[in-house]
Amino acid sequence: MQILVVYQKSDRKVIATFELNTIITEMNVLVIPGVSYLVSSKKDIFCTANDGQVFVKEI
Protein backbone atom coordinates (compact mmCIF):
# COMPACT_ATOMS: atom_id res chain seq x y z
CA MET A 1 0.00 0.00 0.00
CA GLN A 2 1.16 3.52 -0.76
CA ILE A 3 0.33 6.72 1.08
CA LEU A 4 -0.15 10.05 -0.70
CA VAL A 5 0.56 12.95 1.64
CA VAL A 6 -0.35 16.56 0.83
CA TYR A 7 1.44 19.12 3.01
CA GLN A 8 2.43 22.78 3.29
CA LYS A 9 5.94 23.47 1.99
CA SER A 10 6.67 26.19 4.55
CA ASP A 11 6.30 24.18 7.77
CA ARG A 12 5.60 20.62 6.49
CA LYS A 13 2.17 20.59 8.20
CA VAL A 14 -0.02 17.78 6.83
CA ILE A 15 -3.14 18.90 4.95
CA ALA A 16 -4.42 15.48 3.84
CA THR A 17 -3.41 11.84 3.49
CA PHE A 18 -4.75 9.16 1.15
CA GLU A 19 -4.15 5.42 1.33
CA LEU A 20 -3.78 3.94 -2.15
CA ASN A 21 -4.58 0.24 -2.50
CA THR A 22 -2.92 -0.10 -5.91
CA ILE A 23 0.65 0.76 -6.79
CA ILE A 24 0.84 4.10 -8.57
CA THR A 25 3.61 4.34 -11.14
CA GLU A 26 2.51 7.55 -12.86
CA MET A 27 0.26 10.43 -11.89
CA ASN A 28 -0.56 14.00 -12.83
CA VAL A 29 -0.79 16.43 -9.94
CA LEU A 30 -2.42 19.84 -9.85
CA VAL A 31 0.19 22.39 -8.81
CA ILE A 32 -0.92 24.57 -5.91
CA PRO A 33 1.49 27.29 -4.73
CA GLY A 34 2.90 26.56 -1.28
CA VAL A 35 1.70 22.96 -1.28
CA SER A 36 3.70 19.82 -1.97
CA TYR A 37 2.97 16.10 -2.08
CA LEU A 38 4.79 12.90 -1.28
CA VAL A 39 4.04 9.29 -2.21
CA SER A 40 5.54 6.73 0.16
CA SER A 41 5.16 3.14 1.26
CA LYS A 42 6.53 4.01 4.71
CA LYS A 43 4.20 4.85 7.59
CA ASP A 44 6.81 6.32 9.94
CA ILE A 45 7.07 9.60 8.02
CA PHE A 46 4.82 11.58 10.39
CA CYS A 47 5.46 13.33 13.68
CA THR A 48 2.86 14.80 16.01
CA ALA A 49 3.40 18.06 17.88
CA ASN A 50 2.32 18.56 21.50
CA ASP A 51 -0.79 20.40 20.30
CA GLY A 52 -1.86 17.44 18.10
CA GLN A 53 -0.88 18.89 14.73
CA VAL A 54 0.70 16.38 12.35
CA PHE A 55 3.83 17.13 10.31
CA VAL A 56 5.89 15.28 7.69
CA LYS A 57 9.38 14.37 8.93
CA GLU A 58 12.41 15.33 6.90
CA ILE A 59 13.06 12.38 4.63
PDB file of N, CA and C in Angstrom:
ATOM      1  N   MET A   1       0.837  -1.169   0.000  1.00  0.00           N
ATOM      2  CA  MET A   1       0.000   0.000   0.000  1.00  0.00           C
ATOM      3  C   MET A   1       0.890   1.243   0.000  1.00  0.00           C
ATOM      4  N   GLN A   2       0.460   2.248  -0.716  1.00  0.00           N
ATOM      5  CA  GLN A   2       1.160   3.516  -0.763  1.00  0.00           C
ATOM      6  C   GLN A   2       0.320   4.580  -0.055  1.00  0.00           C
ATOM      7  N   ILE A   3       1.003   5.601   0.426  1.00  0.00           N
ATOM      8  CA  ILE A   3       0.333   6.718   1.077  1.00  0.00           C
ATOM      9  C   ILE A   3       0.676   7.980   0.299  1.00  0.00           C
ATOM     10  N   LEU A   4      -0.344   8.742  -0.076  1.00  0.00           N
ATOM     11  CA  LEU A   4      -0.155  10.046  -0.705  1.00  0.00           C
ATOM     12  C   LEU A   4      -0.372  11.093   0.375  1.00  0.00           C
ATOM     13  N   VAL A   5       0.627  11.929   0.604  1.00  0.00           N
ATOM     14  CA  VAL A   5       0.563  12.955   1.640  1.00  0.00           C
ATOM     15  C   VAL A   5       0.619  14.322   0.973  1.00  0.00           C
ATOM     16  N   VAL A   6      -0.320  15.182   1.318  1.00  0.00           N
ATOM     17  CA  VAL A   6      -0.347  16.557   0.834  1.00  0.00           C
ATOM     18  C   VAL A   6      -0.010  17.439   2.031  1.00  0.00           C
ATOM     19  N   TYR A   7       1.005  18.311   1.868  1.00  0.00           N
ATOM     20  CA  TYR A   7       1.438  19.119   3.010  1.00  0.00           C
ATOM     21  C   TYR A   7       1.910  20.496   2.569  1.00  0.00           C
ATOM     22  N   GLN A   8       1.952  21.428   3.546  1.00  0.00           N
ATOM     23  CA  GLN A   8       2.428  22.782   3.287  1.00  0.00           C
ATOM     24  C   GLN A   8       3.950  22.775   3.182  1.00  0.00           C
ATOM     25  N   LYS A   9       4.487  23.426   2.173  1.00  0.00           N
ATOM     26  CA  LYS A   9       5.939  23.469   1.995  1.00  0.00           C
ATOM     27  C   LYS A   9       6.623  24.234   3.120  1.00  0.00           C
ATOM     28  N   SER A  10       6.007  25.287   3.593  1.00  0.00           N
ATOM     29  CA  SER A  10       6.666  26.189   4.546  1.00  0.00           C
ATOM     30  C   SER A  10       7.001  25.518   5.871  1.00  0.00           C
ATOM     31  N   ASP A  11       6.058  24.783   6.450  1.00  0.00           N
ATOM     32  CA  ASP A  11       6.302  24.183   7.768  1.00  0.00           C
ATOM     33  C   ASP A  11       6.086  22.668   7.799  1.00  0.00           C
ATOM     34  N   ARG A  12       5.796  22.066   6.640  1.00  0.00           N
ATOM     35  CA  ARG A  12       5.602  20.620   6.486  1.00  0.00           C
ATOM     36  C   ARG A  12       4.376  20.096   7.236  1.00  0.00           C
ATOM     37  N   LYS A  13       3.408  20.986   7.527  1.00  0.00           N
ATOM     38  CA  LYS A  13       2.170  20.590   8.199  1.00  0.00           C
ATOM     39  C   LYS A  13       1.291  19.800   7.223  1.00  0.00           C
ATOM     40  N   VAL A  14       0.795  18.657   7.679  1.00  0.00           N
ATOM     41  CA  VAL A  14      -0.018  17.778   6.831  1.00  0.00           C
ATOM     42  C   VAL A  14      -1.398  18.389   6.599  1.00  0.00           C
ATOM     43  N   ILE A  15      -1.807  18.422   5.337  1.00  0.00           N
ATOM     44  CA  ILE A  15      -3.140  18.897   4.952  1.00  0.00           C
ATOM     45  C   ILE A  15      -4.073  17.711   4.776  1.00  0.00           C
ATOM     46  N   ALA A  16      -3.578  16.659   4.104  1.00  0.00           N
ATOM     47  CA  ALA A  16      -4.416  15.481   3.839  1.00  0.00           C
ATOM     48  C   ALA A  16      -3.541  14.271   3.570  1.00  0.00           C
ATOM     49  N   THR A  17      -4.073  13.085   3.845  1.00  0.00           N
ATOM     50  CA  THR A  17      -3.407  11.838   3.488  1.00  0.00           C
ATOM     51  C   THR A  17      -4.408  10.926   2.799  1.00  0.00           C
ATOM     52  N   PHE A  18      -3.920  10.122   1.885  1.00  0.00           N
ATOM     53  CA  PHE A  18      -4.747   9.164   1.151  1.00  0.00           C
ATOM     54  C   PHE A  18      -4.026   7.829   1.127  1.00  0.00           C
ATOM     55  N   GLU A  19      -4.712   6.755   1.459  1.00  0.00           N
ATOM     56  CA  GLU A  19      -4.147   5.416   1.330  1.00  0.00           C
ATOM     57  C   GLU A  19      -4.542   4.865  -0.027  1.00  0.00           C
ATOM     58  N   LEU A  20      -3.546   4.449  -0.799  1.00  0.00           N
ATOM     59  CA  LEU A  20      -3.777   3.937  -2.146  1.00  0.00           C
ATOM     60  C   LEU A  20      -3.602   2.424  -2.124  1.00  0.00           C
ATOM     61  N   ASN A  21      -4.611   1.697  -2.545  1.00  0.00           N
ATOM     62  CA  ASN A  21      -4.575   0.238  -2.505  1.00  0.00           C
ATOM     63  C   ASN A  21      -3.884  -0.381  -3.705  1.00  0.00           C
ATOM     64  N   THR A  22      -3.659   0.395  -4.743  1.00  0.00           N
ATOM     65  CA  THR A  22      -2.925  -0.102  -5.905  1.00  0.00           C
ATOM     66  C   THR A  22      -1.643   0.704  -6.047  1.00  0.00           C
ATOM     67  N   ILE A  23      -0.641   0.092  -6.606  1.00  0.00           N
ATOM     68  CA  ILE A  23       0.647   0.756  -6.787  1.00  0.00           C
ATOM     69  C   ILE A  23       0.523   1.791  -7.904  1.00  0.00           C
ATOM     70  N   ILE A  24       0.890   3.016  -7.592  1.00  0.00           N
ATOM     71  CA  ILE A  24       0.841   4.102  -8.565  1.00  0.00           C
ATOM     72  C   ILE A  24       2.232   4.260  -9.164  1.00  0.00           C
ATOM     73  N   THR A  25       2.314   4.169 -10.477  1.00  0.00           N
ATOM     74  CA  THR A  25       3.608   4.345 -11.143  1.00  0.00           C
ATOM     75  C   THR A  25       3.689   5.675 -11.874  1.00  0.00           C
ATOM     76  N   GLU A  26       2.539   6.275 -12.155  1.00  0.00           N
ATOM     77  CA  GLU A  26       2.513   7.550 -12.860  1.00  0.00           C
ATOM     78  C   GLU A  26       1.273   8.309 -12.439  1.00  0.00           C
ATOM     79  N   MET A  27       1.420   9.614 -12.247  1.00  0.00           N
ATOM     80  CA  MET A  27       0.264  10.427 -11.886  1.00  0.00           C
ATOM     81  C   MET A  27       0.488  11.866 -12.320  1.00  0.00           C
ATOM     82  N   ASN A  28      -0.601  12.565 -12.550  1.00  0.00           N
ATOM     83  CA  ASN A  28      -0.563  13.999 -12.830  1.00  0.00           C
ATOM     84  C   ASN A  28      -1.106  14.700 -11.592  1.00  0.00           C
ATOM     85  N   VAL A  29      -0.407  15.741 -11.169  1.00  0.00           N
ATOM     86  CA  VAL A  29      -0.788  16.431  -9.940  1.00  0.00           C
ATOM     87  C   VAL A  29      -1.022  17.899 -10.244  1.00  0.00           C
ATOM     88  N   LEU A  30      -2.121  18.421  -9.734  1.00  0.00           N
ATOM     89  CA  LEU A  30      -2.422  19.838  -9.850  1.00  0.00           C
ATOM     90  C   LEU A  30      -1.433  20.612  -8.986  1.00  0.00           C
ATOM     91  N   VAL A  31      -0.797  21.601  -9.553  1.00  0.00           N
ATOM     92  CA  VAL A  31       0.191  22.387  -8.809  1.00  0.00           C
ATOM     93  C   VAL A  31      -0.529  23.507  -8.067  1.00  0.00           C
ATOM     94  N   ILE A  32      -0.351  23.527  -6.751  1.00  0.00           N
ATOM     95  CA  ILE A  32      -0.923  24.570  -5.909  1.00  0.00           C
ATOM     96  C   ILE A  32       0.246  25.271  -5.209  1.00  0.00           C
ATOM     97  N   PRO A  33       0.370  26.572  -5.358  1.00  0.00           N
ATOM     98  CA  PRO A  33       1.487  27.285  -4.730  1.00  0.00           C
ATOM     99  C   PRO A  33       1.536  27.057  -3.217  1.00  0.00           C
ATOM    100  N   GLY A  34       2.716  26.759  -2.709  1.00  0.00           N
ATOM    101  CA  GLY A  34       2.895  26.564  -1.278  1.00  0.00           C
ATOM    102  C   GLY A  34       2.547  25.185  -0.771  1.00  0.00           C
ATOM    103  N   VAL A  35       2.110  24.302  -1.669  1.00  0.00           N
ATOM    104  CA  VAL A  35       1.695  22.955  -1.283  1.00  0.00           C
ATOM    105  C   VAL A  35       2.555  21.943  -2.032  1.00  0.00           C
ATOM    106  N   SER A  36       2.920  20.876  -1.346  1.00  0.00           N
ATOM    107  CA  SER A  36       3.699  19.821  -1.968  1.00  0.00           C
ATOM    108  C   SER A  36       3.048  18.476  -1.665  1.00  0.00           C
ATOM    109  N   TYR A  37       3.505  17.435  -2.325  1.00  0.00           N
ATOM    110  CA  TYR A  37       2.972  16.100  -2.082  1.00  0.00           C
ATOM    111  C   TYR A  37       4.101  15.094  -2.035  1.00  0.00           C
ATOM    112  N   LEU A  38       3.815  13.964  -1.432  1.00  0.00           N
ATOM    113  CA  LEU A  38       4.787  12.900  -1.278  1.00  0.00           C
ATOM    114  C   LEU A  38       4.044  11.577  -1.379  1.00  0.00           C
ATOM    115  N   VAL A  39       4.578  10.642  -2.146  1.00  0.00           N
ATOM    116  CA  VAL A  39       4.036   9.290  -2.210  1.00  0.00           C
ATOM    117  C   VAL A  39       5.060   8.371  -1.558  1.00  0.00           C
ATOM    118  N   SER A  40       4.621   7.581  -0.581  1.00  0.00           N
ATOM    119  CA  SER A  40       5.543   6.730   0.160  1.00  0.00           C
ATOM    120  C   SER A  40       4.871   5.421   0.530  1.00  0.00           C
ATOM    121  N   SER A  41       5.678   4.405   0.735  1.00  0.00           N
ATOM    122  CA  SER A  41       5.164   3.143   1.263  1.00  0.00           C
ATOM    123  C   SER A  41       5.478   3.023   2.750  1.00  0.00           C
ATOM    124  N   LYS A  42       6.183   4.003   3.300  1.00  0.00           N
ATOM    125  CA  LYS A  42       6.526   4.007   4.714  1.00  0.00           C
ATOM    126  C   LYS A  42       5.424   4.690   5.515  1.00  0.00           C
ATOM    127  N   LYS A  43       5.208   4.226   6.737  1.00  0.00           N
ATOM    128  CA  LYS A  43       4.198   4.849   7.589  1.00  0.00           C
ATOM    129  C   LYS A  43       4.823   5.662   8.713  1.00  0.00           C
ATOM    130  N   ASP A  44       6.151   5.604   8.855  1.00  0.00           N
ATOM    131  CA  ASP A  44       6.808   6.324   9.942  1.00  0.00           C
ATOM    132  C   ASP A  44       7.333   7.677   9.479  1.00  0.00           C
ATOM    133  N   ILE A  45       6.626   8.325   8.563  1.00  0.00           N
ATOM    134  CA  ILE A  45       7.065   9.601   8.020  1.00  0.00           C
ATOM    135  C   ILE A  45       6.396  10.784   8.711  1.00  0.00           C
ATOM    136  N   PHE A  46       5.555  10.524   9.708  1.00  0.00           N
ATOM    137  CA  PHE A  46       4.823  11.577  10.391  1.00  0.00           C
ATOM    138  C   PHE A  46       5.348  11.805  11.801  1.00  0.00           C
ATOM    139  N   CYS A  47       5.205  13.034  12.276  1.00  0.00           N
ATOM    140  CA  CYS A  47       5.457  13.330  13.683  1.00  0.00           C
ATOM    141  C   CYS A  47       4.313  14.210  14.170  1.00  0.00           C
ATOM    142  N   THR A  48       3.968  14.056  15.430  1.00  0.00           N
ATOM    143  CA  THR A  48       2.862  14.802  16.013  1.00  0.00           C
ATOM    144  C   THR A  48       3.398  15.778  17.049  1.00  0.00           C
ATOM    145  N   ALA A  49       2.990  17.034  16.933  1.00  0.00           N
ATOM    146  CA  ALA A  49       3.404  18.064  17.883  1.00  0.00           C
ATOM    147  C   ALA A  49       2.594  17.920  19.172  1.00  0.00           C
ATOM    148  N   ASN A  50       3.011  18.617  20.203  1.00  0.00           N
ATOM    149  CA  ASN A  50       2.317  18.559  21.496  1.00  0.00           C
ATOM    150  C   ASN A  50       0.872  19.020  21.404  1.00  0.00           C
ATOM    151  N   ASP A  51       0.577  19.910  20.455  1.00  0.00           N
ATOM    152  CA  ASP A  51      -0.794  20.400  20.304  1.00  0.00           C
ATOM    153  C   ASP A  51      -1.645  19.525  19.383  1.00  0.00           C
ATOM    154  N   GLY A  52      -1.104  18.386  18.915  1.00  0.00           N
ATOM    155  CA  GLY A  52      -1.859  17.437  18.104  1.00  0.00           C
ATOM    156  C   GLY A  52      -1.739  17.630  16.603  1.00  0.00           C
ATOM    157  N   GLN A  53      -1.060  18.679  16.165  1.00  0.00           N
ATOM    158  CA  GLN A  53      -0.883  18.889  14.729  1.00  0.00           C
ATOM    159  C   GLN A  53       0.119  17.873  14.185  1.00  0.00           C
ATOM    160  N   VAL A  54      -0.138  17.410  12.966  1.00  0.00           N
ATOM    161  CA  VAL A  54       0.703  16.376  12.352  1.00  0.00           C
ATOM    162  C   VAL A  54       1.578  17.018  11.275  1.00  0.00           C
ATOM    163  N   PHE A  55       2.853  16.612  11.258  1.00  0.00           N
ATOM    164  CA  PHE A  55       3.827  17.127  10.308  1.00  0.00           C
ATOM    165  C   PHE A  55       4.539  15.967   9.624  1.00  0.00           C
ATOM    166  N   VAL A  56       5.079  16.244   8.421  1.00  0.00           N
ATOM    167  CA  VAL A  56       5.887  15.279   7.690  1.00  0.00           C
ATOM    168  C   VAL A  56       7.327  15.442   8.170  1.00  0.00           C
ATOM    169  N   LYS A  57       7.964  14.331   8.528  1.00  0.00           N
ATOM    170  CA  LYS A  57       9.375  14.372   8.931  1.00  0.00           C
ATOM    171  C   LYS A  57      10.246  14.672   7.720  1.00  0.00           C
ATOM    172  N   GLU A  58      11.425  15.171   7.968  1.00  0.00           N
ATOM    173  CA  GLU A  58      12.411  15.332   6.901  1.00  0.00           C
ATOM    174  C   GLU A  58      12.820  13.939   6.435  1.00  0.00           C
ATOM    175  N   ILE A  59      12.756  13.712   5.154  1.00  0.00           N
ATOM    176  CA  ILE A  59      13.063  12.376   4.627  1.00  0.00           C
ATOM    177  C   ILE A  59      14.331  12.436   3.813  1.00  0.00           C
TER     178      ILE A  59
END
